[in-house]
């Protein structure tokens, strides 16, 4: 057998399989037909899969090997630019004040409605290139900047086209209940999402998300959208307890969502409800960073995923930076933060095929980092340590 790739002599390998993180010194990984076929010590792996016989052999001496990152929460398909809002925030304006002045999500909605399909696809492809350069191999992308049947379907079709043209695994989420169009009544808009948008887009998405937040969608409105989405075959997700605690986490638990995301204002009781319903908490440290607010508390939860929340208001495509912030801002240990960015993040997307791990049978999604210890990945904040990224055993990025 020679149709395999082997990565060998790594200084350290991190495998976040199960509820623990395994760190192996002098380690190797072998991949055949896109799947991991061996993982462990270099001696054991290369005895069965010798580098000299491999179709591809990568010497990882002095480097760290870990699973590809799983970014389980992004809004990466959009048009336009909102960098001027960054300056407004620095001058003291809040997210809600900018939104009330016609900025925020609704400004991006205007740009998306005016954009062509080609513009949306090319913009998303460029962002996916940036993501893979920072180690992401699986990414969730939400709609939600259309807020009409035509524009929401256009966004989801753009995600579908980009997914076909890019090596990353791209997971689609419908989020028509992201905000309320200007001049619309919220209750009436909810009916539009349920009666018009969902039937028109359900064939293009895997998940249905809703912004359950004060001043946007109430818990009852959110529940109705998510239940309608489930009836259409879409698994629920919830933006919950970001600015105010209004009960979004309990909605996520009640509808057995795949994840509840943000949770900046969540309590221990919310955490217990999510755990009892097997809902994965997703914390987004980049959001707290860009909003200059307190970070979510990971110690409330049994385990958490972390993601970028990349969007026009949180403009980071780097899961490395999310890991950095999880350590520096939320005081997570490096190996725990990396597990949250890989194996736990895969749970937030219902990926049960080993995605986010280096276990035998998992997809051959592997990062090679230029540093010699897992601890040095978040220690080197502000720079990228990603040297090589393999997707299904094929090199898709090399620095």
Protein backbone atom coordinates (compact mmCIF):
# COMPACT_ATOMS: atom_id res chain seq x y z
CA UNK A 1 0.00 0.00 0.00
CA UNK A 2 1.56 3.27 -1.14
CA UNK A 3 -1.49 5.50 -1.68
CA UNK A 4 -1.12 7.26 1.65
CA UNK A 5 0.30 10.45 3.11
CA UNK A 6 2.23 10.37 6.36
CA UNK A 7 3.10 13.31 8.60
CA UNK A 8 5.93 12.18 10.86
CA UNK A 9 8.33 13.15 13.64
CA UNK A 10 6.09 15.91 15.02
CA UNK A 11 7.32 17.45 18.25
CA UNK A 12 3.80 17.15 19.61
CA UNK A 13 0.42 15.90 18.42
CA UNK A 14 -2.88 17.02 19.94
CA UNK A 15 -5.92 14.76 19.62
CA UNK A 16 -9.06 16.06 21.36
CA UNK A 17 -11.02 12.81 21.03
CA UNK A 18 -13.78 12.18 23.57
CA UNK A 19 -13.82 14.23 26.78
CA UNK A 20 -10.05 14.45 27.09
CA UNK A 21 -7.13 15.94 25.20
CA UNK A 22 -4.24 13.65 24.34
CA UNK A 23 -0.82 15.16 23.71
CA UNK A 24 1.74 12.78 22.15
CA UNK A 25 5.43 13.62 21.73
CA UNK A 26 7.34 12.45 18.65
CA UNK A 27 4.12 11.70 16.80
CA UNK A 28 2.80 10.89 13.35
CA UNK A 29 -0.45 10.69 11.36
CA UNK A 30 -1.18 8.64 8.24
CA UNK A 31 -4.00 9.43 5.82
CA UNK A 32 -5.34 7.30 2.98
CA UNK A 33 -8.24 8.06 0.64
CA UNK A 34 -9.05 11.19 2.63
CA UNK A 35 -9.33 9.39 5.98
CA UNK A 36 -6.99 9.02 8.93
CA UNK A 37 -5.72 5.44 9.08
CA UNK A 38 -3.16 5.76 11.87
CA UNK A 39 -2.27 8.26 14.59
CA UNK A 40 0.21 7.98 17.46
CA UNK A 41 3.93 7.68 18.01
CA UNK A 42 6.18 8.10 15.00
CA UNK A 43 7.70 4.65 15.51
CA UNK A 44 4.32 2.92 15.53
CA UNK A 45 2.80 4.85 12.61
CA UNK A 46 5.84 4.78 10.33
CA UNK A 47 6.38 1.08 10.97
CA UNK A 48 3.06 0.46 9.22
CA UNK A 49 3.23 3.47 6.88
CA UNK A 50 6.89 4.12 6.01
CA UNK A 51 7.58 7.65 4.69
CA UNK A 52 9.82 6.27 1.96
CA UNK A 53 6.89 4.32 0.48
CA UNK A 54 4.28 7.07 0.82
CA UNK A 55 2.68 9.02 -1.99
CA UNK A 56 3.33 12.04 0.22
CA UNK A 57 5.56 12.39 3.27
CA UNK A 58 5.77 15.53 5.43
CA UNK A 59 8.55 15.89 7.99
CA UNK A 60 7.00 17.75 10.94
CA UNK A 61 10.14 17.80 13.09
CA UNK A 62 9.94 20.53 15.70
CA UNK A 63 6.29 21.26 14.87
CA UNK A 64 2.82 20.65 16.29
CA UNK A 65 0.18 18.56 14.52
CA UNK A 66 -3.51 19.00 15.40
CA UNK A 67 -6.94 18.62 13.77
CA UNK A 68 -8.23 21.26 11.39
CA UNK A 69 -10.27 23.96 13.08
CA UNK A 70 -14.07 23.81 12.94
CA UNK A 71 -15.57 27.32 12.85
CA UNK A 72 -19.17 26.65 13.87
CA UNK A 73 -20.51 30.23 13.77
CA UNK A 74 -19.92 32.74 10.97
CA UNK A 75 -21.86 35.23 8.86
CA UNK A 76 -19.29 35.07 6.08
CA UNK A 77 -21.52 35.75 3.06
CA UNK A 78 -22.32 39.44 2.71
CA UNK A 79 -21.61 42.53 0.66
CA UNK A 80 -20.53 46.05 1.52
CA UNK A 81 -18.31 47.46 4.25
CA UNK A 82 -19.02 48.72 7.76
CA UNK A 83 -15.56 49.78 8.87
CA UNK A 84 -16.86 53.25 9.71
CA UNK A 85 -18.91 51.65 12.49
CA UNK A 86 -15.63 50.53 14.06
CA UNK A 87 -14.73 54.19 14.50
CA UNK A 88 -18.20 54.93 15.88
CA UNK A 89 -17.73 52.21 18.50
CA UNK A 90 -14.38 53.68 19.46
CA UNK A 91 -16.16 57.00 19.97
CA UNK A 92 -18.51 55.32 22.43
CA UNK A 93 -21.56 54.33 20.43
CA UNK A 94 -23.11 50.98 21.32
CA UNK A 95 -24.15 48.22 18.92
CA UNK A 96 -27.80 49.09 19.59
CA UNK A 97 -27.26 52.82 18.97
CA UNK A 98 -25.57 52.13 15.64
CA UNK A 99 -28.42 49.78 14.71
CA UNK A 100 -31.06 52.35 15.67
CA UNK A 101 -29.35 54.91 13.41
CA UNK A 102 -29.72 52.63 10.39
CA UNK A 103 -26.36 50.92 10.64
CA UNK A 104 -25.50 47.40 11.64
CA UNK A 105 -27.28 44.48 10.05
CA UNK A 106 -29.72 46.60 8.05
CA UNK A 107 -26.89 48.45 6.31
CA UNK A 108 -25.46 45.14 5.17
CA UNK A 109 -28.94 44.05 4.06
CA UNK A 110 -29.06 47.00 1.67
CA UNK A 111 -25.68 46.05 0.20
CA UNK A 112 -26.63 42.39 -0.17
CA UNK A 113 -29.87 43.16 -1.94
CA UNK A 114 -27.95 45.33 -4.42
CA UNK A 115 -25.18 42.77 -4.96
CA UNK A 116 -25.08 40.22 -7.76
CA UNK A 117 -24.78 36.50 -7.15
CA UNK A 118 -21.25 36.60 -8.62
CA UNK A 119 -20.20 39.32 -6.18
CA UNK A 120 -21.48 37.35 -3.21
CA UNK A 121 -19.78 34.15 -4.36
CA UNK A 122 -16.43 35.80 -5.07
CA UNK A 123 -16.50 37.62 -1.73
CA UNK A 124 -17.21 34.40 0.14
CA UNK A 125 -14.52 32.47 -1.74
CA UNK A 126 -11.93 35.10 -0.82
CA UNK A 127 -12.93 34.82 2.84
CA UNK A 128 -12.77 31.03 2.75
CA UNK A 129 -9.22 31.37 1.44
CA UNK A 130 -8.35 33.50 4.46
CA UNK A 131 -10.00 31.02 6.81
CA UNK A 132 -8.10 28.02 5.49
CA UNK A 133 -4.85 29.97 5.79
CA UNK A 134 -5.60 30.22 9.51
CA UNK A 135 -6.32 26.50 9.84
CA UNK A 136 -10.08 26.22 9.34
CA UNK A 137 -11.16 23.09 7.46
CA UNK A 138 -14.90 23.08 8.29
CA UNK A 139 -16.95 26.27 8.50
CA UNK A 140 -20.60 27.13 9.08
CA UNK A 141 -21.97 30.09 7.09
CA UNK A 142 -25.29 31.77 7.84
CA UNK A 143 -27.63 33.74 5.63
CA UNK A 144 -29.50 36.56 7.34
CA UNK A 145 -28.44 39.66 5.45
CA UNK A 146 -31.29 39.39 2.98
CA UNK A 147 -34.48 39.45 5.09
CA UNK A 148 -36.67 38.66 2.08
CA UNK A 149 -37.44 35.50 0.17
CA UNK A 150 -35.39 36.51 -2.86
CA UNK A 151 -32.37 37.83 -0.98
CA UNK A 152 -32.20 35.00 1.57
CA UNK A 153 -32.33 32.43 -1.22
CA UNK A 154 -29.65 34.36 -3.12
CA UNK A 155 -27.37 34.21 -0.07
CA UNK A 156 -27.89 30.49 0.42
CA UNK A 157 -27.35 29.81 -3.27
CA UNK A 158 -24.10 31.78 -3.07
CA UNK A 159 -23.00 29.61 -0.13
CA UNK A 160 -23.86 26.50 -2.15
CA UNK A 161 -21.89 27.66 -5.20
CA UNK A 162 -18.86 28.66 -3.12
CA UNK A 163 -18.96 25.33 -1.29
CA UNK A 164 -18.74 23.50 -4.61
CA UNK A 165 -15.74 25.59 -5.65
CA UNK A 166 -13.72 25.49 -2.44
CA UNK A 167 -12.02 22.58 -0.63
CA UNK A 168 -13.37 23.53 2.82
CA UNK A 169 -16.46 21.78 4.16
CA UNK A 170 -19.07 24.56 4.19
CA UNK A 171 -22.21 24.11 6.30
CA UNK A 172 -25.25 26.29 5.48
CA UNK A 173 -27.57 27.91 8.02
CA UNK A 174 -30.75 29.83 7.22
CA UNK A 175 -31.15 32.90 9.42
CA UNK A 176 -34.00 34.91 8.00
CA UNK A 177 -34.81 35.87 11.61
CA UNK A 178 -31.60 37.88 11.97
CA UNK A 179 -33.29 41.27 12.21
CA UNK A 180 -36.49 42.99 11.12
CA UNK A 181 -36.48 44.89 7.79
CA UNK A 182 -36.83 48.64 8.06
CA UNK A 183 -40.46 49.70 8.35
CA UNK A 184 -41.71 46.19 9.12
CA UNK A 185 -43.74 44.98 12.07
CA UNK A 186 -41.89 42.23 13.93
CA UNK A 187 -44.88 39.91 14.32
CA UNK A 188 -45.75 40.28 10.65
CA UNK A 189 -42.14 39.66 9.64
CA UNK A 190 -42.03 36.48 11.71
CA UNK A 191 -45.03 35.24 9.75
CA UNK A 192 -43.15 36.02 6.53
CA UNK A 193 -40.13 34.04 7.71
CA UNK A 194 -42.33 31.06 8.58
CA UNK A 195 -44.82 31.13 5.70
CA UNK A 196 -42.70 32.46 2.83
CA UNK A 197 -38.96 32.25 3.46
CA UNK A 198 -38.67 28.81 5.04
CA UNK A 199 -40.51 26.93 2.27
CA UNK A 200 -38.40 28.74 -0.33
CA UNK A 201 -34.98 28.04 1.22
CA UNK A 202 -35.24 24.81 3.22
CA UNK A 203 -33.65 22.80 0.42
CA UNK A 204 -30.48 24.92 0.65
CA UNK A 205 -29.73 24.80 4.38
CA UNK A 206 -29.00 22.33 7.16
CA UNK A 207 -29.71 24.56 10.16
CA UNK A 208 -32.15 27.32 11.11
CA UNK A 209 -30.94 30.10 13.43
CA UNK A 210 -32.66 33.05 15.09
CA UNK A 211 -31.45 36.19 16.92
CA UNK A 212 -33.33 35.78 20.20
CA UNK A 213 -32.53 39.14 21.77
CA UNK A 214 -34.21 42.13 23.42
CA UNK A 215 -35.41 44.50 20.71
CA UNK A 216 -35.13 41.85 17.99
CA UNK A 217 -37.05 38.56 18.42
CA UNK A 218 -38.77 37.46 21.62
CA UNK A 219 -38.50 33.98 23.02
CA UNK A 220 -41.96 33.11 21.70
CA UNK A 221 -41.24 34.47 18.24
CA UNK A 222 -37.90 32.64 18.20
CA UNK A 223 -39.53 29.40 19.28
CA UNK A 224 -42.10 29.64 16.48
CA UNK A 225 -39.42 30.21 13.82
CA UNK A 226 -37.26 27.34 15.09
CA UNK A 227 -40.17 24.91 15.35
CA UNK A 228 -41.25 25.82 11.82
CA UNK A 229 -37.67 25.30 10.68
CA UNK A 230 -37.58 21.90 12.32
CA UNK A 231 -40.83 20.98 10.58
CA UNK A 232 -39.08 21.90 7.31
CA UNK A 233 -36.15 19.62 8.16
CA UNK A 234 -33.72 22.22 9.53
CA UNK A 235 -31.96 21.66 12.85
CA UNK A 236 -32.32 24.60 15.28
CA UNK A 237 -29.56 26.91 16.44
CA UNK A 238 -30.03 29.99 18.63
CA UNK A 239 -28.26 33.31 19.14
CA UNK A 240 -28.91 33.50 22.90
CA UNK A 241 -28.23 35.79 25.85
CA UNK A 242 -25.81 38.08 24.03
CA UNK A 243 -26.81 41.54 25.27
CA UNK A 244 -29.58 40.69 27.72
CA UNK A 245 -30.73 37.47 29.34
CA UNK A 246 -34.24 37.02 27.98
CA UNK A 247 -34.52 33.23 27.88
CA UNK A 248 -32.86 32.30 24.60
CA UNK A 249 -30.83 29.51 26.21
CA UNK A 250 -34.05 27.94 27.54
CA UNK A 251 -35.54 28.13 24.05
CA UNK A 252 -32.47 26.34 22.70
CA UNK A 253 -32.92 23.63 25.32
CA UNK A 254 -36.65 23.29 24.70
CA UNK A 255 -36.26 22.84 20.93
CA UNK A 256 -33.18 20.60 21.39
CA UNK A 257 -31.00 22.87 19.30
CA UNK A 258 -27.60 21.77 18.06
CA UNK A 259 -26.11 24.81 19.76
CA UNK A 260 -26.80 27.97 21.72
CA UNK A 261 -24.35 30.70 20.76
CA UNK A 262 -22.92 33.83 22.45
CA UNK A 263 -24.20 33.26 26.03
CA UNK A 264 -22.47 36.36 27.39
CA UNK A 265 -25.32 36.86 29.89
CA UNK A 266 -26.04 33.18 30.57
CA UNK A 267 -26.34 31.82 34.10
CA UNK A 268 -25.56 28.52 35.78
CA UNK A 269 -29.23 27.59 35.43
CA UNK A 270 -29.03 28.20 31.69
CA UNK A 271 -25.94 26.01 31.51
CA UNK A 272 -27.73 23.20 33.35
CA UNK A 273 -30.69 23.40 30.95
CA UNK A 274 -28.41 23.25 27.91
CA UNK A 275 -26.49 20.28 29.30
CA UNK A 276 -29.69 18.39 30.12
CA UNK A 277 -30.90 18.90 26.52
CA UNK A 278 -27.48 18.05 25.01
CA UNK A 279 -27.17 21.49 23.42
CA UNK A 280 -23.59 22.57 22.71
CA UNK A 281 -22.71 26.02 24.11
CA UNK A 282 -20.75 28.08 21.57
CA UNK A 283 -18.76 31.00 22.97
CA UNK A 284 -17.57 33.77 20.66
CA UNK A 285 -14.69 35.63 22.30
CA UNK A 286 -14.15 37.80 19.22
CA UNK A 287 -17.59 39.34 19.78
CA UNK A 288 -16.72 40.37 23.32
CA UNK A 289 -13.39 41.69 22.06
CA UNK A 290 -14.90 43.85 19.33
CA UNK A 291 -17.80 45.06 21.52
CA UNK A 292 -15.42 45.69 24.44
CA UNK A 293 -17.64 43.77 26.87
CA UNK A 294 -17.03 41.10 29.49
CA UNK A 295 -16.25 37.69 28.06
CA UNK A 296 -18.55 34.72 28.51
CA UNK A 297 -17.69 32.45 31.43
CA UNK A 298 -16.66 28.98 30.17
CA UNK A 299 -16.59 27.58 33.71
CA UNK A 300 -20.41 27.64 33.78
CA UNK A 301 -20.52 24.83 31.24
CA UNK A 302 -19.36 21.22 31.12
CA UNK A 303 -17.65 21.98 27.81
CA UNK A 304 -17.88 24.72 25.19
CA UNK A 305 -17.15 25.24 21.54
CA UNK A 306 -15.50 28.44 20.40
CA UNK A 307 -15.95 30.12 17.01
CA UNK A 308 -15.05 33.38 15.29
CA UNK A 309 -18.51 34.94 14.76
CA UNK A 310 -16.93 36.44 11.65
CA UNK A 311 -19.26 39.14 10.28
CA UNK A 312 -19.07 42.80 9.21
CA UNK A 313 -19.16 43.82 12.89
CA UNK A 314 -16.61 41.21 14.09
CA UNK A 315 -14.13 41.11 11.26
CA UNK A 316 -11.84 38.21 12.12
CA UNK A 317 -11.61 35.10 9.96
CA UNK A 318 -8.98 33.50 12.21
CA UNK A 319 -9.81 30.59 14.47
CA UNK A 320 -6.28 30.98 15.81
CA UNK A 321 -7.28 34.42 17.09
CA UNK A 322 -10.45 32.95 18.63
CA UNK A 323 -8.23 30.44 20.46
CA UNK A 324 -5.91 33.26 21.55
CA UNK A 325 -8.85 35.21 22.98
CA UNK A 326 -10.28 32.11 24.66
CA UNK A 327 -6.99 31.79 26.54
CA UNK A 328 -6.25 35.46 27.20
CA UNK A 329 -9.81 36.69 27.70
CA UNK A 330 -11.62 33.64 29.09
CA UNK A 331 -8.63 32.06 30.89
CA UNK A 332 -8.98 28.72 29.11
CA UNK A 333 -5.97 26.41 29.05
CA UNK A 334 -4.41 26.09 25.57
CA UNK A 335 -5.27 22.41 25.06
CA UNK A 336 -8.84 23.02 26.30
CA UNK A 337 -9.27 26.00 23.96
CA UNK A 338 -7.97 23.97 21.04
CA UNK A 339 -10.36 21.12 21.86
CA UNK A 340 -13.16 23.72 21.92
CA UNK A 341 -12.09 24.88 18.45
CA UNK A 342 -12.04 21.36 17.01
CA UNK A 343 -13.84 18.37 18.55
CA UNK A 344 -16.44 20.32 20.56
CA UNK A 345 -17.02 22.71 17.67
CA UNK A 346 -17.80 19.70 15.48
CA UNK A 347 -20.53 18.72 17.96
CA UNK A 348 -22.08 22.17 17.51
CA UNK A 349 -22.51 21.24 13.83
CA UNK A 350 -23.74 17.69 14.52
CA UNK A 351 -20.60 16.27 12.90
CA UNK A 352 -20.18 12.80 14.38
CA UNK A 353 -17.75 11.31 11.85
CA UNK A 354 -14.63 12.24 13.79
CA UNK A 355 -14.40 15.77 12.40
CA UNK A 356 -12.22 17.86 14.70
CA UNK A 357 -10.17 14.86 15.87
CA UNK A 358 -7.22 12.78 14.70
CA UNK A 359 -8.82 9.44 15.50
CA UNK A 360 -8.68 6.58 13.01
CA UNK A 361 -11.61 6.90 10.62
CA UNK A 362 -11.85 10.69 10.93
CA UNK A 363 -11.54 12.96 7.90
CA UNK A 364 -7.91 13.71 7.05
CA UNK A 365 -8.19 17.35 8.12
CA UNK A 366 -4.86 18.28 9.71
CA UNK A 367 -2.96 21.41 10.71
CA UNK A 368 0.81 21.61 11.00
CA UNK A 369 1.87 24.53 13.19
CA UNK A 370 5.38 25.96 13.10
CA UNK A 371 5.73 25.97 16.90
CA UNK A 372 7.01 23.04 18.94
CA UNK A 373 4.36 22.94 21.70
CA UNK A 374 0.59 23.21 21.84
CA UNK A 375 0.98 25.88 24.52
CA UNK A 376 2.90 28.08 22.08
CA UNK A 377 -0.04 28.43 19.67
CA UNK A 378 -2.02 30.93 21.82
CA UNK A 379 1.21 32.17 23.42
CA UNK A 380 2.10 33.60 20.00
CA UNK A 381 -0.98 35.81 19.79
CA UNK A 382 -1.23 38.32 16.97
CA UNK A 383 0.59 36.16 14.44
CA UNK A 384 -0.29 32.98 12.61
CA UNK A 385 1.64 29.83 13.40
CA UNK A 386 -0.12 27.81 10.67
CA UNK A 387 2.39 26.38 8.23
CA UNK A 388 0.44 23.66 6.38
CA UNK A 389 -3.22 22.64 6.20
CA UNK A 390 -4.50 19.36 4.78
CA UNK A 391 -8.13 18.80 3.87
CA UNK A 392 -9.13 15.17 3.31
CA UNK A 393 -5.43 14.38 3.13
CA UNK A 394 -4.64 16.94 0.42
CA UNK A 395 -2.51 20.02 1.08
CA UNK A 396 -4.79 23.04 0.60
CA UNK A 397 -2.53 25.65 2.21
CA UNK A 398 1.22 25.91 2.72
CA UNK A 399 3.09 28.95 3.96
